Every structure is written in structure tokens, then in C-alpha cells.
């Protein structure tokens, strides 16, 4: 892949140990197990630059067994690149009911990925051969589903054909003698044209921690969702209320004095040990720390419950909110929302089924860091999963009055 630079030594090695068509994925995979199986498990991370923008790639897993890791990657992303295979049979497998293409689109929207590039890959495959008919077929099938998942297709979604294996229509536009019907941009041009979501550089500092390690002190990894950070500044790690001092800030291995919202950082701090930090903790401003709660009120959309299940008080699931993964229980259903009027129904609600919109109280065993969706959307949207399946998506609407005490 052009954006990853010179990987000749790795290319030669991976050709010898895995199938030839896997070698591009091999570069982004992070350990020998992934490389041997040809399946991405962890979220791979790399960087590239166009003429105007510096991008961080988060290579999220596609396999259904690793959806929790995909959620972790998508929760950090501003732009989604949904890669779909044009090869005969492969698109159909991913798109049919229960296929991973469908779940990934729904999760991406829930997790705040508001802009989507739908990249139709393998256009050079012998079963496709840059066929406009095949490209149009995929676009026509995907468009209604993207609309039903909440995307404004005209405004927030763009389709384009590529061949990742040979780098066609990626850094430069595909040649007309290969694909005469395509007049649109290449992948890099399309990425450059997308505007990121607005963030407040002067707001209270928020950086959900996705990983930590020891390196001349404690190093925290994460993406700044709000505010700015400066070397020498004092901050607090929530929910354990540990005061820390910022010793160093790194972006792509480059040391900087300060960083703003949207940046993926490694922050070296003093005042806390690495073993006292968990993924899902949040590096926060001292003056306005993030809320730490064991209970909150949320509005949920029930997607698809397991066979014969009903959603009621006592229902248990796994909560995914920013980098937090925590078991939870529905304590009380407060009211059902009429999907047509968007207003609460008058009748008391005891249980709901697929497609319902409901306001409920949710409880977790351990303190977690969350915000109301109306205040910090990226820290207030979540999914509920059970037995490997996403059953509901939601947003935090209210927090206990003592949440910031």
C-alpha cells in the first residue's frame, strides 16, 4: 500500500509465509498469530501524509470474532473507510443478513463515525475487471442500507472504486484506459476533501486511555476528544482521581510541546504507576474532571435481540462506551419513545422488543467515565452486546447529581 512507505523486506518475508494476496494486510497486522492466520485481531496503527493532511490509520478487524476490537478502533475514528470486495460472492457474503458489512456500518454510525468512504476494492479481479455494472450493483444495494443506518448518503457518504493490491485509484487517479467510466477522485483526494468533526481546543481536557506502558515513566495512549494539553501541565486520571504531571507529549514519535483535539497521542506522565491504569480511564482536566459513575440514564434503540428474548429490567449485556468495556444490567425501564412523534408514550413500560426506543437506567459494577451525549457526544454514545452480537445502541441522557463529586 503506497501510504505505508517502503516495506520491501517485510513484503518478501510475508510472501514466503502466507498467501500472496495477504501481504498488504500483513504489514498492518501486529503479531505473528495475526500474520499466520491472515486475520486482523488487534487494531493496527500507522500514519501517512497527503499534501495537506496528516492521517492516522486505525486498521480495525473485520472478522465477527473480533468485533469488540473493531469497536475500540472505530470509537477513535473521525472518518470511516468501509472496504467492500467487488469479487463475485464476497460482497454478497458480507452484505446478507448477519454479514459483517451490515454490523460494521451500524456500529460505525453509533460510535460517531459521521463521514464514510465506501471503497469498492478488488476491481481488478478477473470476475470484475473494472465492470461498471458490478460497481453500480454494489452501490445500489448499499445505499438503502446506509440510509436506514442513519447516514445522509448524499452529504456524508462517498463511493469509489480501487484496487488495493496494485494501488489503482489510491494515490493517483485510475487511468482512463483501465476504467473509462470513472470521473471521480482517487482515495487520497477523497480523504483530503473530508472535513473532520468540530472540537473545542479550549474546552475541558478529555483523553480516553486506550493503552498504557512503561518507558522512562508511565506512558498513556489515546485520542484527545476535547481541550488541549501542554508539557508540564497537571492533570487528573479518572475515575481513580490520581493527579499526574505531563512530562512529555509525542505525536507519531515526534516530541511536541502541546497538542489539541483530534490528535492521537502518547503522553508520558509522572505521579502514577502503569499498573494503576486500565483501558477506559480518562486523562482529564483538574478544574472540570469527567464524570465517574456506576449508574446512568440512557436512551436506547433496540436493534436485534437474541432469539425469543425480551428487553426488560434485569437484562444483562456488555457495555462498550469509548474505550470502556464493562458488564452492565438494566435496572429500570423509565419510558418508551414513540418512533414517529419522538415523544414519550404515556403507558407504563415493562418490556420492549426489536425496533423499540426506550429510556432506561443502566448500572455497572465498577466506576466508569462517561459524559452526557449532549455535552460530549464521543464520550456519551455506546453499544450493548451479548453473546457476540450487538443488540442495542444508545446515548447517555442523564447522570447522577454526585457524578463529579
Protein backbone atom coordinates (compact mmCIF):
# COMPACT_ATOMS: atom_id res chain seq x y z
CA UNK A 1 0.00 0.00 0.00
CA UNK A 2 1.53 3.29 -1.06
CA UNK A 3 0.63 5.09 2.15
CA UNK A 4 2.74 2.80 4.32
CA UNK A 5 6.08 3.52 2.66
CA UNK A 6 8.88 1.10 1.81
CA UNK A 7 8.21 -2.37 3.21
CA UNK A 8 10.31 -4.48 0.82
CA UNK A 9 11.90 -6.71 3.47
CA UNK A 10 8.56 -7.46 5.12
CA UNK A 11 6.94 -7.99 1.71
CA UNK A 12 9.49 -10.68 0.81
CA UNK A 13 9.09 -12.44 4.17
CA UNK A 14 5.31 -12.44 4.18
CA UNK A 15 5.14 -13.76 0.61
CA UNK A 16 7.01 -16.79 1.93
CA UNK A 17 4.78 -17.47 4.95
CA UNK A 18 1.24 -16.54 3.87
CA UNK A 19 -0.87 -16.27 0.74
CA UNK A 20 0.36 -13.69 -1.73
CA UNK A 21 -2.85 -11.63 -1.54
CA UNK A 22 -2.41 -11.21 2.23
CA UNK A 23 0.83 -9.28 2.10
CA UNK A 24 -0.72 -5.79 2.30
CA UNK A 25 -2.74 -6.73 5.39
CA UNK A 26 0.39 -8.38 6.80
CA UNK A 27 2.13 -5.01 7.11
CA UNK A 28 -0.61 -3.64 9.39
CA UNK A 29 -1.07 -6.80 11.49
CA UNK A 30 0.67 -6.51 14.83
CA UNK A 31 1.77 -10.01 15.85
CA UNK A 32 2.75 -13.42 14.46
CA UNK A 33 -0.64 -15.00 15.23
CA UNK A 34 -2.42 -12.41 13.08
CA UNK A 35 0.12 -12.81 10.30
CA UNK A 36 -0.10 -16.61 10.28
CA UNK A 37 -3.93 -16.66 10.20
CA UNK A 38 -4.29 -13.73 7.83
CA UNK A 39 -6.89 -12.20 10.18
CA UNK A 40 -6.56 -8.83 11.88
CA UNK A 41 -7.24 -9.21 15.62
CA UNK A 42 -5.91 -6.07 17.31
CA UNK A 43 -6.32 -2.54 15.94
CA UNK A 44 -3.26 -1.82 13.79
CA UNK A 45 -1.96 1.74 13.78
CA UNK A 46 0.08 3.61 11.16
CA UNK A 47 0.44 7.14 9.78
CA UNK A 48 0.62 8.75 6.37
CA UNK A 49 0.52 12.25 4.94
CA UNK A 50 -1.02 13.78 1.86
CA UNK A 51 -0.07 17.23 0.59
CA UNK A 52 -2.45 18.90 3.04
CA UNK A 53 -3.27 16.46 5.88
CA UNK A 54 -1.65 14.00 8.29
CA UNK A 55 -3.76 10.86 8.85
CA UNK A 56 -3.64 8.11 11.47
CA UNK A 57 -4.80 4.73 10.10
CA UNK A 58 -6.67 2.51 12.56
CA UNK A 59 -6.84 -0.88 10.86
CA UNK A 60 -9.83 -2.47 12.61
CA UNK A 61 -10.63 -6.21 12.48
CA UNK A 62 -13.31 -7.37 10.04
CA UNK A 63 -13.95 -10.86 11.44
CA UNK A 64 -17.04 -11.30 13.63
CA UNK A 65 -14.98 -12.89 16.43
CA UNK A 66 -13.13 -9.62 16.97
CA UNK A 67 -15.96 -7.06 16.85
CA UNK A 68 -15.08 -5.70 20.35
CA UNK A 69 -11.66 -4.73 18.96
CA UNK A 70 -13.33 -3.20 15.91
CA UNK A 71 -15.45 -1.09 18.31
CA UNK A 72 -12.27 0.09 20.05
CA UNK A 73 -10.82 1.24 16.72
CA UNK A 74 -14.00 2.87 15.42
CA UNK A 75 -14.53 4.79 18.66
CA UNK A 76 -11.28 6.68 17.95
CA UNK A 77 -12.04 7.44 14.28
CA UNK A 78 -13.35 10.61 12.62
CA UNK A 79 -13.65 9.10 9.12
CA UNK A 80 -14.66 5.56 8.22
CA UNK A 81 -13.28 3.77 5.17
CA UNK A 82 -15.53 0.77 4.60
CA UNK A 83 -13.68 -1.63 2.30
CA UNK A 84 -16.01 -3.87 0.29
CA UNK A 85 -14.89 -6.65 -2.02
CA UNK A 86 -16.20 -6.46 -5.58
CA UNK A 87 -15.22 -10.09 -6.18
CA UNK A 88 -18.21 -12.23 -7.07
CA UNK A 89 -19.69 -13.85 -3.95
CA UNK A 90 -17.58 -11.92 -1.41
CA UNK A 91 -19.74 -8.78 -1.35
CA UNK A 92 -22.88 -10.90 -1.05
CA UNK A 93 -21.46 -12.83 1.94
CA UNK A 94 -20.68 -9.64 3.85
CA UNK A 95 -23.92 -7.88 2.97
CA UNK A 96 -26.51 -10.62 3.57
CA UNK A 97 -28.39 -10.68 6.88
CA UNK A 98 -25.93 -11.45 9.67
CA UNK A 99 -22.96 -10.44 7.49
CA UNK A 100 -20.20 -8.27 8.93
CA UNK A 101 -20.61 -5.40 6.46
CA UNK A 102 -24.03 -4.67 7.96
CA UNK A 103 -22.88 -4.79 11.59
CA UNK A 104 -19.80 -2.66 10.89
CA UNK A 105 -21.90 0.09 9.26
CA UNK A 106 -24.33 0.18 12.18
CA UNK A 107 -21.52 0.24 14.73
CA UNK A 108 -19.59 2.93 12.86
CA UNK A 109 -22.59 5.26 12.89
CA UNK A 110 -23.30 4.55 16.56
CA UNK A 111 -19.68 5.20 17.50
CA UNK A 112 -19.68 8.64 15.90
CA UNK A 113 -18.11 7.97 12.52
CA UNK A 114 -20.23 10.50 10.66
CA UNK A 115 -18.30 10.53 7.36
CA UNK A 116 -17.95 7.33 5.36
CA UNK A 117 -15.92 6.41 2.30
CA UNK A 118 -17.23 3.18 0.77
CA UNK A 119 -14.25 1.77 -1.11
CA UNK A 120 -15.16 -0.94 -3.63
CA UNK A 121 -11.94 -2.96 -3.69
CA UNK A 122 -10.62 -5.80 -5.93
CA UNK A 123 -11.96 -4.08 -9.06
CA UNK A 124 -9.03 -5.64 -10.93
CA UNK A 125 -10.20 -9.18 -10.07
CA UNK A 126 -10.86 -11.37 -13.14
CA UNK A 127 -14.52 -11.78 -12.06
CA UNK A 128 -14.93 -7.98 -12.09
CA UNK A 129 -12.40 -6.43 -14.48
CA UNK A 130 -13.37 -2.84 -13.56
CA UNK A 131 -17.01 -3.52 -14.51
CA UNK A 132 -19.28 -0.50 -14.11
CA UNK A 133 -22.26 -2.85 -13.84
CA UNK A 134 -20.76 -4.62 -10.80
CA UNK A 135 -19.80 -1.30 -9.17
CA UNK A 136 -23.30 0.13 -9.74
CA UNK A 137 -24.88 -3.06 -8.37
CA UNK A 138 -22.91 -2.78 -5.12
CA UNK A 139 -23.68 0.94 -4.76
CA UNK A 140 -27.40 0.41 -5.41
CA UNK A 141 -27.60 -2.35 -2.77
CA UNK A 142 -25.56 -0.48 -0.15
CA UNK A 143 -27.30 2.92 -0.47
CA UNK A 144 -30.70 1.98 1.08
CA UNK A 145 -28.96 0.17 3.94
CA UNK A 146 -26.68 3.14 4.65
CA UNK A 147 -29.75 5.39 4.76
CA UNK A 148 -31.51 3.03 7.18
CA UNK A 149 -28.40 3.08 9.41
CA UNK A 150 -28.70 6.87 9.78
CA UNK A 151 -26.27 8.12 7.13
CA UNK A 152 -27.13 11.03 4.85
CA UNK A 153 -25.87 9.33 1.68
CA UNK A 154 -25.73 12.49 -0.45
CA UNK A 155 -23.89 14.53 2.16
CA UNK A 156 -21.82 12.11 4.28
CA UNK A 157 -21.08 9.06 2.09
CA UNK A 158 -18.90 8.69 -1.00
CA UNK A 159 -18.35 5.57 -3.10
CA UNK A 160 -15.21 4.98 -5.17
CA UNK A 161 -13.57 2.00 -6.93
CA UNK A 162 -10.00 0.89 -6.19
CA UNK A 163 -7.56 -1.97 -6.40
CA UNK A 164 -5.61 -2.04 -3.14
CA UNK A 165 -3.34 -4.85 -4.30
CA UNK A 166 -1.89 -2.90 -7.24
CA UNK A 167 -2.56 0.61 -5.87
CA UNK A 168 -5.04 1.72 -8.53
CA UNK A 169 -7.10 4.87 -7.82
CA UNK A 170 -5.46 5.35 -4.45
CA UNK A 171 -2.68 7.96 -4.54
CA UNK A 172 -3.38 8.97 -8.14
CA UNK A 173 -6.48 8.63 -10.28
CA UNK A 174 -7.01 5.41 -12.22
CA UNK A 175 -6.07 5.67 -15.90
CA UNK A 176 -8.92 6.09 -18.36
CA UNK A 177 -7.80 3.17 -20.49
CA UNK A 178 -8.28 0.89 -17.44
CA UNK A 179 -11.52 2.40 -16.07
CA UNK A 180 -13.02 4.74 -18.69
CA UNK A 181 -16.29 5.32 -16.80
CA UNK A 182 -14.79 6.72 -13.55
CA UNK A 183 -14.53 10.53 -13.43
CA UNK A 184 -14.34 10.91 -9.65
CA UNK A 185 -11.42 11.37 -7.22
CA UNK A 186 -8.83 8.86 -6.05
CA UNK A 187 -8.78 7.73 -2.40
CA UNK A 188 -6.26 10.36 -1.22
CA UNK A 189 -8.23 13.18 -2.88
CA UNK A 190 -11.46 11.96 -1.30
CA UNK A 191 -9.85 11.80 2.16
CA UNK A 192 -8.38 15.30 1.79
CA UNK A 193 -11.79 16.73 0.90
CA UNK A 194 -13.49 15.49 4.10
CA UNK A 195 -13.82 17.93 7.00
CA UNK A 196 -13.33 16.47 10.48
CA UNK A 197 -15.90 16.95 13.24
CA UNK A 198 -15.76 20.20 15.24
CA UNK A 199 -13.90 20.03 18.57
CA UNK A 200 -13.22 22.68 21.18
CA UNK A 201 -9.49 23.30 21.79
CA UNK A 202 -10.42 25.48 24.77
CA UNK A 203 -12.86 23.01 26.34
CA UNK A 204 -12.15 20.81 29.39
CA UNK A 205 -9.42 18.28 28.56
CA UNK A 206 -10.59 14.73 27.78
CA UNK A 207 -8.39 11.87 26.52
CA UNK A 208 -9.79 8.33 26.92
CA UNK A 209 -6.90 5.94 27.57
CA UNK A 210 -6.74 3.02 25.13
CA UNK A 211 -3.39 1.59 26.26
CA UNK A 212 -0.51 2.18 28.66
CA UNK A 213 3.10 1.00 29.07
CA UNK A 214 6.34 1.78 30.88
CA UNK A 215 9.04 3.78 29.08
CA UNK A 216 11.10 6.09 31.32
CA UNK A 217 7.89 6.57 33.30
CA UNK A 218 4.24 5.81 32.62
CA UNK A 219 3.08 6.37 29.03
CA UNK A 220 -0.63 6.75 28.19
CA UNK A 221 -2.04 6.30 24.67
CA UNK A 222 -5.26 7.86 23.45
CA UNK A 223 -7.02 10.42 21.31
CA UNK A 224 -7.81 13.92 22.53
CA UNK A 225 -11.58 14.42 22.33
CA UNK A 226 -11.69 17.89 23.88
CA UNK A 227 -9.34 20.62 25.07
CA UNK A 228 -5.57 20.94 24.73
CA UNK A 229 -2.58 19.50 26.58
CA UNK A 230 0.78 21.14 27.36
CA UNK A 231 4.10 19.78 28.59
CA UNK A 232 4.49 20.44 32.33
CA UNK A 233 0.72 20.68 32.90
CA UNK A 234 -1.01 18.98 35.86
CA UNK A 235 -3.99 16.73 35.00
CA UNK A 236 -6.06 14.04 36.72
CA UNK A 237 -6.65 10.40 35.77
CA UNK A 238 -10.27 9.41 36.32
CA UNK A 239 -12.04 7.55 37.87
CA UNK A 240 -9.28 6.90 40.43
CA UNK A 241 -8.62 10.65 40.87
CA UNK A 242 -4.84 10.35 40.57
CA UNK A 243 -3.07 13.68 39.99
CA UNK A 244 -0.33 13.46 37.34
CA UNK A 245 2.14 15.80 35.66
CA UNK A 246 2.71 15.77 31.89
CA UNK A 247 6.40 15.03 31.32
CA UNK A 248 6.35 14.61 27.52
CA UNK A 249 3.89 14.56 24.59
CA UNK A 250 4.54 12.51 21.44
CA UNK A 251 2.76 12.55 18.07
CA UNK A 252 3.99 9.86 15.63
CA UNK A 253 7.23 9.51 17.68
CA UNK A 254 7.80 13.28 17.41
CA UNK A 255 8.05 15.16 20.69
CA UNK A 256 5.84 18.28 20.87
CA UNK A 257 5.20 20.95 23.50
CA UNK A 258 1.42 20.95 23.14
CA UNK A 259 -1.39 19.17 21.27
CA UNK A 260 -5.05 19.83 20.54
CA UNK A 261 -8.27 17.91 19.95
CA UNK A 262 -8.31 15.13 17.35
CA UNK A 263 -4.66 14.18 17.90
CA UNK A 264 -3.63 10.60 18.68
CA UNK A 265 -1.02 10.93 21.41
CA UNK A 266 1.42 9.13 23.64
CA UNK A 267 1.68 11.10 26.88
CA UNK A 268 4.42 10.38 29.42
CA UNK A 269 3.27 11.27 32.94
CA UNK A 270 4.65 11.17 36.48
CA UNK A 271 2.68 10.55 39.66
CA UNK A 272 1.03 7.24 38.77
CA UNK A 273 2.17 3.67 38.13
CA UNK A 274 1.30 1.83 34.93
CA UNK A 275 -0.45 -0.99 36.84
CA UNK A 276 -2.88 1.53 38.41
CA UNK A 277 -4.37 2.43 34.99
CA UNK A 278 -6.90 0.50 32.92
CA UNK A 279 -8.18 0.99 29.37
CA UNK A 280 -11.24 3.20 29.64
CA UNK A 281 -9.76 5.52 32.26
CA UNK A 282 -9.70 9.16 31.10
CA UNK A 283 -6.95 11.76 31.36
CA UNK A 284 -8.90 14.84 32.34
CA UNK A 285 -8.58 18.48 33.37
CA UNK A 286 -8.49 19.06 37.13
CA UNK A 287 -10.86 22.05 37.09
CA UNK A 288 -13.59 20.17 35.20
CA UNK A 289 -12.98 16.43 35.55
CA UNK A 290 -15.03 13.86 33.64
CA UNK A 291 -17.93 12.22 35.49
CA UNK A 292 -17.30 8.84 37.17
CA UNK A 293 -20.46 6.76 37.73
CA UNK A 294 -21.82 3.28 38.39
CA UNK A 295 -25.26 4.20 37.08
CA UNK A 296 -26.73 6.48 34.39
CA UNK A 297 -29.87 7.13 32.37
CA UNK A 298 -29.78 6.41 28.64
CA UNK A 299 -31.94 6.34 25.55
CA UNK A 300 -31.60 3.04 23.69
CA UNK A 301 -32.59 1.77 20.27
CA UNK A 302 -33.14 -2.00 20.36
CA UNK A 303 -31.65 -3.48 17.17
CA UNK A 304 -31.97 -7.24 17.29
CA UNK A 305 -32.31 -9.27 20.47
CA UNK A 306 -31.30 -12.92 20.59
CA UNK A 307 -33.98 -15.49 19.77
CA UNK A 308 -37.17 -15.05 21.82
CA UNK A 309 -35.52 -12.56 24.19
CA UNK A 310 -37.35 -9.54 25.60
CA UNK A 311 -35.70 -6.39 26.90
CA UNK A 312 -36.74 -5.68 30.47
CA UNK A 313 -35.38 -4.82 33.93
CA UNK A 314 -32.73 -7.39 34.81
CA UNK A 315 -31.44 -7.71 31.23
CA UNK A 316 -27.64 -8.08 31.22
CA UNK A 317 -25.19 -7.20 28.46
CA UNK A 318 -21.67 -5.89 27.81
CA UNK A 319 -21.41 -2.10 27.56
CA UNK A 320 -18.93 -0.55 25.09
CA UNK A 321 -18.50 3.22 25.56
CA UNK A 322 -15.37 4.97 24.15
CA UNK A 323 -12.56 2.63 25.37
CA UNK A 324 -14.60 1.17 28.27
CA UNK A 325 -15.79 -2.45 28.15
CA UNK A 326 -17.89 -3.32 31.20
CA UNK A 327 -20.70 -5.72 32.11
CA UNK A 328 -23.97 -3.91 32.82
CA UNK A 329 -27.55 -4.52 33.90
CA UNK A 330 -30.78 -2.72 33.01
CA UNK A 331 -32.20 -1.60 36.37
CA UNK A 332 -35.41 0.06 35.26
CA UNK A 333 -37.30 0.92 32.07
CA UNK A 334 -38.47 4.52 32.52
CA UNK A 335 -40.44 5.24 29.34
CA UNK A 336 -40.85 4.15 25.75
CA UNK A 337 -40.41 6.70 22.96
CA UNK A 338 -42.84 6.81 20.05
CA UNK A 339 -40.61 6.44 16.96
CA UNK A 340 -42.95 8.61 14.87
CA UNK A 341 -43.51 11.58 17.20
CA UNK A 342 -40.20 11.17 19.14
CA UNK A 343 -42.20 11.83 22.32
CA UNK A 344 -42.61 9.59 25.41
CA UNK A 345 -45.61 7.25 25.45
CA UNK A 346 -47.97 7.61 28.40
CA UNK A 347 -48.37 3.93 29.25
CA UNK A 348 -46.01 2.32 31.76
CA UNK A 349 -43.40 0.17 30.03
CA UNK A 350 -42.42 -3.24 31.44
CA UNK A 351 -40.61 -4.70 28.43
CA UNK A 352 -39.81 -3.87 24.80
CA UNK A 353 -38.85 -5.82 21.68
CA UNK A 354 -36.80 -5.26 18.50
CA UNK A 355 -37.03 -1.77 16.98
CA UNK A 356 -38.21 -0.08 20.19
CA UNK A 357 -36.76 3.18 21.52
CA UNK A 358 -36.67 3.20 25.32
CA UNK A 359 -35.28 5.33 28.15
CA UNK A 360 -33.80 3.24 30.97
CA UNK A 361 -31.46 3.20 33.95
CA UNK A 362 -28.25 1.21 33.46
CA UNK A 363 -25.93 0.00 36.22
CA UNK A 364 -22.32 -1.25 36.09
CA UNK A 365 -20.22 -2.93 38.79
CA UNK A 366 -17.19 -0.60 38.62
CA UNK A 367 -16.86 3.16 38.29
CA UNK A 368 -16.68 4.22 34.63
CA UNK A 369 -16.03 7.58 32.98
CA UNK A 370 -18.88 8.90 30.83
CA UNK A 371 -20.44 12.19 29.77
CA UNK A 372 -23.92 13.17 28.68
CA UNK A 373 -24.25 12.83 24.92
CA UNK A 374 -25.44 16.45 24.69
CA UNK A 375 -22.18 17.64 26.31
CA UNK A 376 -19.59 15.30 24.74
CA UNK A 377 -21.09 13.11 22.03
CA UNK A 378 -18.00 10.91 21.67
CA UNK A 379 -17.99 10.10 25.39
CA UNK A 380 -21.75 9.62 25.66
CA UNK A 381 -22.62 7.14 22.89
CA UNK A 382 -22.41 3.39 23.38
CA UNK A 383 -23.40 -0.08 22.25
CA UNK A 384 -24.75 -3.08 24.16
CA UNK A 385 -23.60 -6.54 23.07
CA UNK A 386 -24.45 -10.02 24.25
CA UNK A 387 -23.11 -13.39 23.12
CA UNK A 388 -21.08 -11.79 20.37
CA UNK A 389 -23.95 -9.76 18.90
CA UNK A 390 -24.80 -6.04 19.02
CA UNK A 391 -28.33 -5.87 20.48
CA UNK A 392 -28.75 -2.13 21.13
CA UNK A 393 -27.18 1.29 20.60
CA UNK A 394 -27.68 4.25 22.86
CA UNK A 395 -26.71 7.63 24.26
CA UNK A 396 -26.27 8.84 27.83
CA UNK A 397 -29.01 11.35 28.65
CA UNK A 398 -28.57 11.95 32.39
CA UNK A 399 -26.03 11.38 35.17
CA UNK A 400 -26.41 11.22 38.98
CA UNK A 401 -26.09 14.60 40.71
CA UNK A 402 -22.96 13.40 42.60
CA UNK A 403 -21.17 12.12 39.45
CA UNK A 404 -18.39 14.72 39.64
CA UNK A 405 -18.01 14.80 43.43
